[in-house]
Every structure is written in C-alpha cells, then in structure tokens.
Amino acid sequence: MIFDINGKTYSKIEFNTEEEVENVIINNFKLLFGDYSILLPKSLISTSGGKGTIPDGIIINFESKQ
C-alpha cells in the first residue's frame, strides 16, 4: 500500500520478526528521531532491588530535551 501525506510518499510494509523492526530503527534512528539524537543499544538495566530488564534501546534527543 502506497499513500501520500503532505506531499511525501510512504509505503506500508509488514515485518516478519521484531528483529527486522529493530534493525530498521537502529539503522535509521537519526532520520526517525532527528540529528541531535543518540541511540543507546540493548543492555541490561538493573534496579537496586536486583530486578533487571533489557530494553530494545534508549533514544535521547538533545534538541527537544526528550
């Protein structure tokens, strides 16, 4: 499916795996989130209580302070 939004053409695609989605975001995060963004890749984050999680990534945008 191809559609137009504000003069820009987009195509809808479906991903077969979550890994495919992650790779697109990792390879295009500056396009998606802006030039003043950095991506911290997957790593274990632990709480002081000993619980942990591995987020898909953390993106920080310094321009919008988000």
PDB file of N, CA and C in Angstrom:
ATOM      1  N   MET A   1       0.838  -1.165   0.000  1.00  0.00           N
ATOM      2  CA  MET A   1       0.000   0.000   0.000  1.00  0.00           C
ATOM      3  C   MET A   1       0.893   1.242   0.000  1.00  0.00           C
ATOM      4  N   ILE A   2       0.646   2.160  -0.903  1.00  0.00           N
ATOM      5  CA  ILE A   2       1.391   3.409  -1.005  1.00  0.00           C
ATOM      6  C   ILE A   2       0.411   4.549  -0.760  1.00  0.00           C
ATOM      7  N   PHE A   3       0.832   5.530   0.062  1.00  0.00           N
ATOM      8  CA  PHE A   3      -0.035   6.669   0.326  1.00  0.00           C
ATOM      9  C   PHE A   3       0.792   7.930   0.455  1.00  0.00           C
ATOM     10  N   ASP A   4       0.109   9.071   0.346  1.00  0.00           N
ATOM     11  CA  ASP A   4       0.758  10.366   0.349  1.00  0.00           C
ATOM     12  C   ASP A   4       0.295  11.164   1.568  1.00  0.00           C
ATOM     13  N   ILE A   5       1.263  11.752   2.293  1.00  0.00           N
ATOM     14  CA  ILE A   5       0.943  12.616   3.428  1.00  0.00           C
ATOM     15  C   ILE A   5       1.755  13.892   3.265  1.00  0.00           C
ATOM     16  N   ASN A   6       1.064  15.009   3.135  1.00  0.00           N
ATOM     17  CA  ASN A   6       1.717  16.317   2.995  1.00  0.00           C
ATOM     18  C   ASN A   6       2.791  16.328   1.915  1.00  0.00           C
ATOM     19  N   GLY A   7       2.487  15.720   0.783  1.00  0.00           N
ATOM     20  CA  GLY A   7       3.415  15.725  -0.340  1.00  0.00           C
ATOM     21  C   GLY A   7       4.538  14.712  -0.269  1.00  0.00           C
ATOM     22  N   LYS A   8       4.554  13.886   0.779  1.00  0.00           N
ATOM     23  CA  LYS A   8       5.572  12.842   0.895  1.00  0.00           C
ATOM     24  C   LYS A   8       4.907  11.491   0.669  1.00  0.00           C
ATOM     25  N   THR A   9       5.577  10.630  -0.080  1.00  0.00           N
ATOM     26  CA  THR A   9       5.048   9.314  -0.403  1.00  0.00           C
ATOM     27  C   THR A   9       5.602   8.282   0.567  1.00  0.00           C
ATOM     28  N   TYR A  10       4.712   7.470   1.116  1.00  0.00           N
ATOM     29  CA  TYR A  10       5.075   6.412   2.057  1.00  0.00           C
ATOM     30  C   TYR A  10       4.508   5.093   1.563  1.00  0.00           C
ATOM     31  N   SER A  11       5.180   4.016   1.901  1.00  0.00           N
ATOM     32  CA  SER A  11       4.632   2.698   1.596  1.00  0.00           C
ATOM     33  C   SER A  11       4.556   1.893   2.893  1.00  0.00           C
ATOM     34  N   LYS A  12       3.488   1.166   3.036  1.00  0.00           N
ATOM     35  CA  LYS A  12       3.289   0.344   4.220  1.00  0.00           C
ATOM     36  C   LYS A  12       3.910  -1.023   3.967  1.00  0.00           C
ATOM     37  N   ILE A  13       4.727  -1.452   4.927  1.00  0.00           N
ATOM     38  CA  ILE A  13       5.313  -2.779   4.830  1.00  0.00           C
ATOM     39  C   ILE A  13       5.060  -3.529   6.132  1.00  0.00           C
ATOM     40  N   GLU A  14       5.101  -4.816   6.050  1.00  0.00           N
ATOM     41  CA  GLU A  14       4.947  -5.636   7.245  1.00  0.00           C
ATOM     42  C   GLU A  14       6.256  -6.355   7.511  1.00  0.00           C
ATOM     43  N   PHE A  15       6.598  -6.437   8.781  1.00  0.00           N
ATOM     44  CA  PHE A  15       7.815  -7.116   9.193  1.00  0.00           C
ATOM     45  C   PHE A  15       7.480  -8.526   9.644  1.00  0.00           C
ATOM     46  N   ASN A  16       8.400  -9.441   9.406  1.00  0.00           N
ATOM     47  CA  ASN A  16       8.196 -10.827   9.813  1.00  0.00           C
ATOM     48  C   ASN A  16       8.642 -11.078  11.250  1.00  0.00           C
ATOM     49  N   THR A  17       9.618 -10.291  11.713  1.00  0.00           N
ATOM     50  CA  THR A  17      10.137 -10.502  13.058  1.00  0.00           C
ATOM     51  C   THR A  17      10.381  -9.161  13.738  1.00  0.00           C
ATOM     52  N   GLU A  18      10.461  -9.190  15.056  1.00  0.00           N
ATOM     53  CA  GLU A  18      10.800  -7.984  15.816  1.00  0.00           C
ATOM     54  C   GLU A  18      12.217  -7.532  15.484  1.00  0.00           C
ATOM     55  N   GLU A  19      13.094  -8.475  15.193  1.00  0.00           N
ATOM     56  CA  GLU A  19      14.474  -8.141  14.843  1.00  0.00           C
ATOM     57  C   GLU A  19      14.537  -7.266  13.592  1.00  0.00           C
ATOM     58  N   GLU A  20      13.677  -7.527  12.620  1.00  0.00           N
ATOM     59  CA  GLU A  20      13.631  -6.692  11.420  1.00  0.00           C
ATOM     60  C   GLU A  20      13.272  -5.250  11.781  1.00  0.00           C
ATOM     61  N   VAL A  21      12.293  -5.072  12.657  1.00  0.00           N
ATOM     62  CA  VAL A  21      11.884  -3.734  13.083  1.00  0.00           C
ATOM     63  C   VAL A  21      13.041  -3.045  13.803  1.00  0.00           C
ATOM     64  N   GLU A  22      13.674  -3.752  14.723  1.00  0.00           N
ATOM     65  CA  GLU A  22      14.796  -3.197  15.473  1.00  0.00           C
ATOM     66  C   GLU A  22      15.916  -2.749  14.543  1.00  0.00           C
ATOM     67  N   ASN A  23      16.228  -3.551  13.541  1.00  0.00           N
ATOM     68  CA  ASN A  23      17.296  -3.196  12.600  1.00  0.00           C
ATOM     69  C   ASN A  23      16.966  -1.934  11.815  1.00  0.00           C
ATOM     70  N   VAL A  24      15.720  -1.775  11.405  1.00  0.00           N
ATOM     71  CA  VAL A  24      15.319  -0.566  10.681  1.00  0.00           C
ATOM     72  C   VAL A  24      15.491   0.653  11.590  1.00  0.00           C
ATOM     73  N   ILE A  25      15.076   0.548  12.838  1.00  0.00           N
ATOM     74  CA  ILE A  25      15.200   1.678  13.768  1.00  0.00           C
ATOM     75  C   ILE A  25      16.671   1.988  14.051  1.00  0.00           C
ATOM     76  N   ILE A  26      17.468   0.966  14.322  1.00  0.00           N
ATOM     77  CA  ILE A  26      18.893   1.180  14.604  1.00  0.00           C
ATOM     78  C   ILE A  26      19.592   1.833  13.420  1.00  0.00           C
ATOM     79  N   ASN A  27      19.288   1.382  12.218  1.00  0.00           N
ATOM     80  CA  ASN A  27      19.953   1.900  11.025  1.00  0.00           C
ATOM     81  C   ASN A  27      19.427   3.262  10.575  1.00  0.00           C
ATOM     82  N   ASN A  28      18.266   3.685  11.107  1.00  0.00           N
ATOM     83  CA  ASN A  28      17.645   4.929  10.648  1.00  0.00           C
ATOM     84  C   ASN A  28      17.213   5.849  11.784  1.00  0.00           C
ATOM     85  N   PHE A  29      17.783   5.690  12.991  1.00  0.00           N
ATOM     86  CA  PHE A  29      17.259   6.443  14.125  1.00  0.00           C
ATOM     87  C   PHE A  29      17.426   7.956  13.970  1.00  0.00           C
ATOM     88  N   LYS A  30      18.477   8.416  13.304  1.00  0.00           N
ATOM     89  CA  LYS A  30      18.642   9.864  13.095  1.00  0.00           C
ATOM     90  C   LYS A  30      17.558  10.402  12.159  1.00  0.00           C
ATOM     91  N   LEU A  31      17.198   9.639  11.154  1.00  0.00           N
ATOM     92  CA  LEU A  31      16.114  10.023  10.256  1.00  0.00           C
ATOM     93  C   LEU A  31      14.786  10.048  11.012  1.00  0.00           C
ATOM     94  N   LEU A  32      14.574   9.071  11.889  1.00  0.00           N
ATOM     95  CA  LEU A  32      13.316   8.963  12.627  1.00  0.00           C
ATOM     96  C   LEU A  32      13.209   9.949  13.783  1.00  0.00           C
ATOM     97  N   PHE A  33      14.312  10.202  14.489  1.00  0.00           N
ATOM     98  CA  PHE A  33      14.259  10.982  15.722  1.00  0.00           C
ATOM     99  C   PHE A  33      15.049  12.289  15.661  1.00  0.00           C
ATOM    100  N   GLY A  34      15.777  12.547  14.590  1.00  0.00           N
ATOM    101  CA  GLY A  34      16.478  13.814  14.422  1.00  0.00           C
ATOM    102  C   GLY A  34      17.991  13.679  14.574  1.00  0.00           C
ATOM    103  N   ASP A  35      18.688  14.674  14.021  1.00  0.00           N
ATOM    104  CA  ASP A  35      20.150  14.664  14.016  1.00  0.00           C
ATOM    105  C   ASP A  35      20.764  14.824  15.400  1.00  0.00           C
ATOM    106  N   TYR A  36      20.012  15.371  16.335  1.00  0.00           N
ATOM    107  CA  TYR A  36      20.549  15.592  17.675  1.00  0.00           C
ATOM    108  C   TYR A  36      20.187  14.449  18.621  1.00  0.00           C
ATOM    109  N   SER A  37      19.960  13.272  18.068  1.00  0.00           N
ATOM    110  CA  SER A  37      19.595  12.094  18.849  1.00  0.00           C
ATOM    111  C   SER A  37      20.761  11.128  18.920  1.00  0.00           C
ATOM    112  N   ILE A  38      20.835  10.395  20.023  1.00  0.00           N
ATOM    113  CA  ILE A  38      21.770   9.284  20.123  1.00  0.00           C
ATOM    114  C   ILE A  38      20.971   8.056  20.528  1.00  0.00           C
ATOM    115  N   LEU A  39      21.471   6.908  20.157  1.00  0.00           N
ATOM    116  CA  LEU A  39      20.828   5.634  20.477  1.00  0.00           C
ATOM    117  C   LEU A  39      21.755   4.835  21.365  1.00  0.00           C
ATOM    118  N   LEU A  40      21.249   4.453  22.524  1.00  0.00           N
ATOM    119  CA  LEU A  40      21.993   3.552  23.403  1.00  0.00           C
ATOM    120  C   LEU A  40      21.436   2.159  23.150  1.00  0.00           C
ATOM    121  N   PRO A  41      22.227   1.243  22.613  1.00  0.00           N
ATOM    122  CA  PRO A  41      21.717  -0.071  22.235  1.00  0.00           C
ATOM    123  C   PRO A  41      21.353  -0.935  23.441  1.00  0.00           C
ATOM    124  N   LYS A  42      20.809  -2.086  23.139  1.00  0.00           N
ATOM    125  CA  LYS A  42      20.366  -3.029  24.166  1.00  0.00           C
ATOM    126  C   LYS A  42      21.461  -3.320  25.180  1.00  0.00           C
ATOM    127  N   SER A  43      21.088  -3.252  26.440  1.00  0.00           N
ATOM    128  CA  SER A  43      21.974  -3.686  27.516  1.00  0.00           C
ATOM    129  C   SER A  43      21.128  -3.881  28.768  1.00  0.00           C
ATOM    130  N   LEU A  44      21.625  -4.676  29.677  1.00  0.00           N
ATOM    131  CA  LEU A  44      20.899  -4.980  30.901  1.00  0.00           C
ATOM    132  C   LEU A  44      20.873  -3.769  31.814  1.00  0.00           C
ATOM    133  N   ILE A  45      19.665  -3.392  32.251  1.00  0.00           N
ATOM    134  CA  ILE A  45      19.484  -2.330  33.237  1.00  0.00           C
ATOM    135  C   ILE A  45      18.951  -2.999  34.500  1.00  0.00           C
ATOM    136  N   SER A  46      19.655  -2.795  35.614  1.00  0.00           N
ATOM    137  CA  SER A  46      19.255  -3.426  36.876  1.00  0.00           C
ATOM    138  C   SER A  46      18.815  -2.369  37.876  1.00  0.00           C
ATOM    139  N   THR A  47      17.838  -2.725  38.700  1.00  0.00           N
ATOM    140  CA  THR A  47      17.398  -1.842  39.773  1.00  0.00           C
ATOM    141  C   THR A  47      18.198  -2.147  41.029  1.00  0.00           C
ATOM    142  N   SER A  48      18.114  -1.263  42.003  1.00  0.00           N
ATOM    143  CA  SER A  48      18.821  -1.504  43.262  1.00  0.00           C
ATOM    144  C   SER A  48      18.255  -2.721  43.983  1.00  0.00           C
ATOM    145  N   GLY A  49      17.025  -3.122  43.665  1.00  0.00           N
ATOM    146  CA  GLY A  49      16.411  -4.294  44.264  1.00  0.00           C
ATOM    147  C   GLY A  49      16.821  -5.593  43.592  1.00  0.00           C
ATOM    148  N   GLY A  50      17.646  -5.508  42.567  1.00  0.00           N
ATOM    149  CA  GLY A  50      18.143  -6.709  41.915  1.00  0.00           C
ATOM    150  C   GLY A  50      17.345  -7.167  40.710  1.00  0.00           C
ATOM    151  N   LYS A  51      16.259  -6.474  40.364  1.00  0.00           N
ATOM    152  CA  LYS A  51      15.486  -6.843  39.177  1.00  0.00           C
ATOM    153  C   LYS A  51      16.131  -6.197  37.964  1.00  0.00           C
ATOM    154  N   GLY A  52      15.980  -6.833  36.826  1.00  0.00           N
ATOM    155  CA  GLY A  52      16.593  -6.301  35.626  1.00  0.00           C
ATOM    156  C   GLY A  52      15.715  -6.454  34.406  1.00  0.00           C
ATOM    157  N   THR A  53      16.023  -5.672  33.404  1.00  0.00           N
ATOM    158  CA  THR A  53      15.322  -5.747  32.134  1.00  0.00           C
ATOM    159  C   THR A  53      16.300  -5.334  31.031  1.00  0.00           C
ATOM    160  N   ILE A  54      15.993  -5.737  29.823  1.00  0.00           N
ATOM    161  CA  ILE A  54      16.796  -5.337  28.670  1.00  0.00           C
ATOM    162  C   ILE A  54      15.862  -4.591  27.707  1.00  0.00           C
ATOM    163  N   PRO A  55      15.898  -3.247  27.720  1.00  0.00           N
ATOM    164  CA  PRO A  55      15.060  -2.506  26.771  1.00  0.00           C
ATOM    165  C   PRO A  55      15.603  -2.664  25.354  1.00  0.00           C
ATOM    166  N   ASP A  56      14.749  -2.478  24.360  1.00  0.00           N
ATOM    167  CA  ASP A  56      15.196  -2.566  22.972  1.00  0.00           C
ATOM    168  C   ASP A  56      16.241  -1.510  22.668  1.00  0.00           C
ATOM    169  N   GLY A  57      16.186  -0.410  23.354  1.00  0.00           N
ATOM    170  CA  GLY A  57      17.148   0.673  23.181  1.00  0.00           C
ATOM    171  C   GLY A  57      16.623   1.908  23.871  1.00  0.00           C
ATOM    172  N   ILE A  58      17.494   2.873  24.051  1.00  0.00           N
ATOM    173  CA  ILE A  58      17.111   4.151  24.632  1.00  0.00           C
ATOM    174  C   ILE A  58      17.569   5.220  23.656  1.00  0.00           C
ATOM    175  N   ILE A  59      16.658   6.121  23.295  1.00  0.00           N
ATOM    176  CA  ILE A  59      16.986   7.204  22.369  1.00  0.00           C
ATOM    177  C   ILE A  59      16.848   8.507  23.132  1.00  0.00           C
ATOM    178  N   ILE A  60      17.866   9.341  23.037  1.00  0.00           N
ATOM    179  CA  ILE A  60      17.852  10.649  23.687  1.00  0.00           C
ATOM    180  C   ILE A  60      17.944  11.704  22.595  1.00  0.00           C
ATOM    181  N   ASN A  61      17.006  12.658  22.614  1.00  0.00           N
ATOM    182  CA  ASN A  61      17.018  13.757  21.662  1.00  0.00           C
ATOM    183  C   ASN A  61      17.402  15.022  22.396  1.00  0.00           C
ATOM    184  N   PHE A  62      18.618  15.513  22.166  1.00  0.00           N
ATOM    185  CA  PHE A  62      19.116  16.678  22.871  1.00  0.00           C
ATOM    186  C   PHE A  62      18.468  17.969  22.405  1.00  0.00           C
ATOM    187  N   GLU A  63      18.026  18.003  21.151  1.00  0.00           N
ATOM    188  CA  GLU A  63      17.405  19.223  20.634  1.00  0.00           C
ATOM    189  C   GLU A  63      16.063  19.486  21.309  1.00  0.00           C
ATOM    190  N   SER A  64      15.234  18.447  21.447  1.00  0.00           N
ATOM    191  CA  SER A  64      13.922  18.624  22.084  1.00  0.00           C
ATOM    192  C   SER A  64      13.946  18.306  23.570  1.00  0.00           C
ATOM    193  N   LYS A  65      15.126  17.959  24.083  1.00  0.00           N
ATOM    194  CA  LYS A  65      15.304  17.632  25.501  1.00  0.00           C
ATOM    195  C   LYS A  65      14.357  16.519  25.947  1.00  0.00           C
ATOM    196  N   GLN A  66      14.266  15.486  25.118  1.00  0.00           N
ATOM    197  CA  GLN A  66      13.418  14.321  25.434  1.00  0.00           C
ATOM    198  C   GLN A  66      14.263  13.073  25.453  1.00  0.00           C
TER     199      GLN A  66
END
